[in-house]
């Protein structure tokens, strides 16, 4: 199995590209704080997905659960960025829709891993 063909990996990869595309409009004071934190979390999620795809079934669940927690942090930080007007509502909605879809996919992967 090619790890880069996993649908959730592609979704997170695209989320990063979308998020990165917002960088130019982020005020300098925010770019090195909450924006940087979100960027790092997205990269951590990408790393977690890739890592889980390459581990044995017994080691998969803790990695997926940790990745799910990171996704929840990302949700909170994106909401905070919207409320602080670091990103506009349109960008927020686009990013949040991606995060929601990734969350559903990750939840399904966690459930299927638990059932084995």
C-alpha atoms as a PDB file:
ATOM      1  CA  UNK A   1       0.000   0.000   0.000  1.00  0.00           C
ATOM      2  CA  UNK A   2       1.352   3.412  -0.934  1.00  0.00           C
ATOM      3  CA  UNK A   3       0.943   5.588   2.156  1.00  0.00           C
ATOM      4  CA  UNK A   4       0.451   8.697   0.045  1.00  0.00           C
ATOM      5  CA  UNK A   5      -2.678   7.162  -1.515  1.00  0.00           C
ATOM      6  CA  UNK A   6      -4.542   7.020   1.815  1.00  0.00           C
ATOM      7  CA  UNK A   7      -7.561   9.378   1.478  1.00  0.00           C
ATOM      8  CA  UNK A   8      -7.100  10.894   4.965  1.00  0.00           C
ATOM      9  CA  UNK A   9      -3.435  11.584   4.207  1.00  0.00           C
ATOM     10  CA  UNK A  10      -4.449  13.430   1.039  1.00  0.00           C
ATOM     11  CA  UNK A  11      -7.049  15.439   3.003  1.00  0.00           C
ATOM     12  CA  UNK A  12      -4.537  16.537   5.643  1.00  0.00           C
ATOM     13  CA  UNK A  13      -1.967  17.268   2.933  1.00  0.00           C
ATOM     14  CA  UNK A  14      -4.499  19.490   1.145  1.00  0.00           C
ATOM     15  CA  UNK A  15      -5.478  21.136   4.449  1.00  0.00           C
ATOM     16  CA  UNK A  16      -1.850  22.112   4.966  1.00  0.00           C
ATOM     17  CA  UNK A  17      -1.597  23.555   1.454  1.00  0.00           C
ATOM     18  CA  UNK A  18      -4.812  25.564   2.001  1.00  0.00           C
ATOM     19  CA  UNK A  19      -3.655  26.762   5.413  1.00  0.00           C
ATOM     20  CA  UNK A  20      -0.233  27.693   4.057  1.00  0.00           C
ATOM     21  CA  UNK A  21      -1.912  29.693   1.304  1.00  0.00           C
ATOM     22  CA  UNK A  22      -3.440  31.948   3.978  1.00  0.00           C
ATOM     23  CA  UNK A  23      -0.016  32.898   5.350  1.00  0.00           C
ATOM     24  CA  UNK A  24       0.397  36.075   3.288  1.00  0.00           C
ATOM     25  CA  UNK A  25      -2.674  37.733   4.808  1.00  0.00           C
ATOM     26  CA  UNK A  26      -1.819  36.873   8.419  1.00  0.00           C
ATOM     27  CA  UNK A  27      -0.619  39.859  10.458  1.00  0.00           C
ATOM     28  CA  UNK A  28       2.982  39.562  11.596  1.00  0.00           C
ATOM     29  CA  UNK A  29       2.013  39.575  15.284  1.00  0.00           C
ATOM     30  CA  UNK A  30      -0.182  36.507  14.715  1.00  0.00           C
ATOM     31  CA  UNK A  31       2.041  34.746  12.199  1.00  0.00           C
ATOM     32  CA  UNK A  32       4.625  33.790  14.806  1.00  0.00           C
ATOM     33  CA  UNK A  33       2.165  32.819  17.519  1.00  0.00           C
ATOM     34  CA  UNK A  34      -1.190  31.142  16.925  1.00  0.00           C
ATOM     35  CA  UNK A  35      -0.721  30.754  13.166  1.00  0.00           C
ATOM     36  CA  UNK A  36       2.644  29.045  13.655  1.00  0.00           C
ATOM     37  CA  UNK A  37       1.099  26.822  16.330  1.00  0.00           C
ATOM     38  CA  UNK A  38      -1.676  25.745  13.936  1.00  0.00           C
ATOM     39  CA  UNK A  39       0.816  25.082  11.165  1.00  0.00           C
ATOM     40  CA  UNK A  40       2.854  22.855  13.496  1.00  0.00           C
ATOM     41  CA  UNK A  41      -0.263  20.985  14.626  1.00  0.00           C
ATOM     42  CA  UNK A  42      -1.295  20.299  11.014  1.00  0.00           C
ATOM     43  CA  UNK A  43       2.201  18.940  10.352  1.00  0.00           C
ATOM     44  CA  UNK A  44       1.935  16.801  13.519  1.00  0.00           C
ATOM     45  CA  UNK A  45      -1.401  15.423  12.277  1.00  0.00           C
ATOM     46  CA  UNK A  46       0.148  14.635   8.882  1.00  0.00           C
ATOM     47  CA  UNK A  47       3.008  12.891  10.652  1.00  0.00           C
ATOM     48  CA  UNK A  48       0.586  10.942  12.866  1.00  0.00           C
ATOM     49  CA  UNK A  49      -1.449   9.709   9.891  1.00  0.00           C
ATOM     50  CA  UNK A  50       1.677   8.612   8.054  1.00  0.00           C
ATOM     51  CA  UNK A  51       3.065   6.987  11.183  1.00  0.00           C
ATOM     52  CA  UNK A  52      -0.171   5.099  11.918  1.00  0.00           C
ATOM     53  CA  UNK A  53      -0.315   3.850   8.342  1.00  0.00           C
ATOM     54  CA  UNK A  54       3.105   2.261   8.761  1.00  0.00           C
ATOM     55  CA  UNK A  55       2.683   0.606  12.160  1.00  0.00           C
ATOM     56  CA  UNK A  56       1.298  -2.715  13.258  1.00  0.00           C
ATOM     57  CA  UNK A  57      -2.344  -2.971  14.313  1.00  0.00           C
ATOM     58  CA  UNK A  58      -1.445  -3.107  18.013  1.00  0.00           C
ATOM     59  CA  UNK A  59       0.548   0.145  17.821  1.00  0.00           C
ATOM     60  CA  UNK A  60      -1.908   2.000  15.577  1.00  0.00           C
ATOM     61  CA  UNK A  61      -4.603   2.962  18.110  1.00  0.00           C
ATOM     62  CA  UNK A  62      -2.456   5.118  20.456  1.00  0.00           C
ATOM     63  CA  UNK A  63      -1.049   7.029  17.470  1.00  0.00           C
ATOM     64  CA  UNK A  64      -4.521   7.605  16.004  1.00  0.00           C
ATOM     65  CA  UNK A  65      -5.922   8.733  19.372  1.00  0.00           C
ATOM     66  CA  UNK A  66      -3.040  11.166  19.887  1.00  0.00           C
ATOM     67  CA  UNK A  67      -3.615  12.492  16.362  1.00  0.00           C
ATOM     68  CA  UNK A  68      -7.313  12.938  17.161  1.00  0.00           C
ATOM     69  CA  UNK A  69      -6.422  15.064  20.209  1.00  0.00           C
ATOM     70  CA  UNK A  70      -4.177  17.212  17.994  1.00  0.00           C
ATOM     71  CA  UNK A  71      -7.085  17.652  15.580  1.00  0.00           C
ATOM     72  CA  UNK A  72      -9.238  18.899  18.467  1.00  0.00           C
ATOM     73  CA  UNK A  73      -6.528  21.415  19.433  1.00  0.00           C
ATOM     74  CA  UNK A  74      -6.519  22.594  15.833  1.00  0.00           C
ATOM     75  CA  UNK A  75     -10.304  23.109  15.936  1.00  0.00           C
ATOM     76  CA  UNK A  76     -10.008  25.289  19.040  1.00  0.00           C
ATOM     77  CA  UNK A  77      -7.113  27.332  17.656  1.00  0.00           C
ATOM     78  CA  UNK A  78      -8.876  27.899  14.318  1.00  0.00           C
ATOM     79  CA  UNK A  79     -11.982  29.096  16.177  1.00  0.00           C
ATOM     80  CA  UNK A  80      -9.790  31.403  18.245  1.00  0.00           C
ATOM     81  CA  UNK A  81      -8.164  32.772  15.086  1.00  0.00           C
ATOM     82  CA  UNK A  82     -11.620  33.485  13.653  1.00  0.00           C
ATOM     83  CA  UNK A  83     -12.791  35.228  16.830  1.00  0.00           C
ATOM     84  CA  UNK A  84      -9.610  37.315  17.002  1.00  0.00           C
ATOM     85  CA  UNK A  85     -10.085  38.142  13.302  1.00  0.00           C
ATOM     86  CA  UNK A  86      -6.701  36.655  12.423  1.00  0.00           C
ATOM     87  CA  UNK A  87      -8.488  34.886   9.562  1.00  0.00           C
ATOM     88  CA  UNK A  88     -11.722  35.929   7.914  1.00  0.00           C
ATOM     89  CA  UNK A  89     -14.923  33.915   8.162  1.00  0.00           C
ATOM     90  CA  UNK A  90     -14.624  32.554   4.599  1.00  0.00           C
ATOM     91  CA  UNK A  91     -11.162  31.073   5.256  1.00  0.00           C
ATOM     92  CA  UNK A  92     -12.348  29.781   8.620  1.00  0.00           C
ATOM     93  CA  UNK A  93     -15.299  27.959   7.047  1.00  0.00           C
ATOM     94  CA  UNK A  94     -13.065  26.411   4.368  1.00  0.00           C
ATOM     95  CA  UNK A  95     -10.513  25.227   6.944  1.00  0.00           C
ATOM     96  CA  UNK A  96     -13.155  24.026   9.402  1.00  0.00           C
ATOM     97  CA  UNK A  97     -14.935  21.978   6.731  1.00  0.00           C
ATOM     98  CA  UNK A  98     -11.644  20.209   5.967  1.00  0.00           C
ATOM     99  CA  UNK A  99     -10.973  19.623   9.663  1.00  0.00           C
ATOM    100  CA  UNK A 100     -14.490  18.200  10.117  1.00  0.00           C
ATOM    101  CA  UNK A 101     -14.033  15.800   7.214  1.00  0.00           C
ATOM    102  CA  UNK A 102     -10.614  14.719   8.509  1.00  0.00           C
ATOM    103  CA  UNK A 103     -12.216  14.218  11.930  1.00  0.00           C
ATOM    104  CA  UNK A 104     -14.873  11.935  10.476  1.00  0.00           C
ATOM    105  CA  UNK A 105     -12.272   9.927   8.570  1.00  0.00           C
ATOM    106  CA  UNK A 106     -10.018   9.681  11.618  1.00  0.00           C
ATOM    107  CA  UNK A 107     -12.950   8.650  13.815  1.00  0.00           C
ATOM    108  CA  UNK A 108     -13.816   5.882  11.370  1.00  0.00           C
ATOM    109  CA  UNK A 109     -10.217   4.672  11.325  1.00  0.00           C
ATOM    110  CA  UNK A 110     -10.111   4.647  15.135  1.00  0.00           C
ATOM    111  CA  UNK A 111     -13.392   2.703  15.326  1.00  0.00           C
ATOM    112  CA  UNK A 112     -12.256   0.138  12.775  1.00  0.00           C
ATOM    113  CA  UNK A 113      -8.934  -0.269  14.601  1.00  0.00           C
ATOM    114  CA  UNK A 114     -10.756  -0.865  17.914  1.00  0.00           C
ATOM    115  CA  UNK A 115     -13.006  -3.515  16.364  1.00  0.00           C
ATOM    116  CA  UNK A 116     -10.104  -5.733  15.319  1.00  0.00           C
END
